C-alpha atoms as a PDB file:
ATOM      1  CA  MET A   1     -10.955 -17.666 -14.095  1.00  0.00           C
ATOM      2  CA  TYR A   2     -12.400 -15.801 -11.124  1.00  0.00           C
ATOM      3  CA  SER A   3      -9.957 -17.428  -8.713  1.00  0.00           C
ATOM      4  CA  GLN A   4      -7.078 -16.653 -11.102  1.00  0.00           C
ATOM      5  CA  SER A   5      -7.909 -12.928 -11.160  1.00  0.00           C
ATOM      6  CA  CYS A   6      -8.271 -12.961  -7.370  1.00  0.00           C
ATOM      7  CA  SER A   7      -4.859 -14.582  -6.921  1.00  0.00           C
ATOM      8  CA  SER A   8      -3.262 -12.143  -9.379  1.00  0.00           C
ATOM      9  CA  LYS A   9      -4.727  -9.241  -7.407  1.00  0.00           C
ATOM     10  CA  ARG A  10      -3.367 -10.750  -4.190  1.00  0.00           C
ATOM     11  CA  ILE A  11       0.072 -11.183  -5.793  1.00  0.00           C
ATOM     12  CA  ARG A  12      -0.028  -7.572  -6.992  1.00  0.00           C
ATOM     13  CA  GLN A  13      -0.815  -6.378  -3.454  1.00  0.00           C
ATOM     14  CA  HIS A  14       2.021  -8.564  -2.112  1.00  0.00           C
ATOM     15  CA  LEU A  15       4.503  -7.067  -4.605  1.00  0.00           C
ATOM     16  CA  HIS A  16       3.296  -3.566  -3.684  1.00  0.00           C
ATOM     17  CA  SER A  17       3.875  -4.250   0.021  1.00  0.00           C
ATOM     18  CA  ILE A  18       7.377  -5.564  -0.797  1.00  0.00           C
ATOM     19  CA  LYS A  19       8.133  -2.397  -2.799  1.00  0.00           C
ATOM     20  CA  VAL A  20       6.956  -0.230   0.099  1.00  0.00           C
ATOM     21  CA  GLY A  21       9.095  -2.255   2.529  1.00  0.00           C
ATOM     22  CA  LEU A  22      12.192  -1.930   0.334  1.00  0.00           C
ATOM     23  CA  PHE A  23      11.565   1.801  -0.110  1.00  0.00           C
ATOM     24  CA  LEU A  24      11.239   2.281   3.656  1.00  0.00           C
ATOM     25  CA  GLU A  25      14.409   0.260   4.289  1.00  0.00           C
ATOM     26  CA  GLY A  26      16.295   2.274   1.659  1.00  0.00           C
ATOM     27  CA  SER A  27      15.158   5.614   3.085  1.00  0.00           C
ATOM     28  CA  ILE A  28      16.045   4.509   6.633  1.00  0.00           C
ATOM     29  CA  SER A  29      19.527   3.342   5.556  1.00  0.00           C
ATOM     30  CA  MET A  30      20.085   6.645   3.715  1.00  0.00           C
ATOM     31  CA  VAL A  31      19.100   8.623   6.825  1.00  0.00           C
ATOM     32  CA  THR A  32      21.368   6.546   9.078  1.00  0.00           C
ATOM     33  CA  THR A  33      24.374   6.859   6.732  1.00  0.00           C
ATOM     34  CA  VAL A  34      24.016  10.658   6.442  1.00  0.00           C
END
């Protein structure tokens, strides 16, 4: 159970980093298109 919660936390951090990466890519593309 402990390892499961640890892995879920790691997955949550991974998803957060992916969201940040997509947000940065989107903002950069918007700036370049303008």
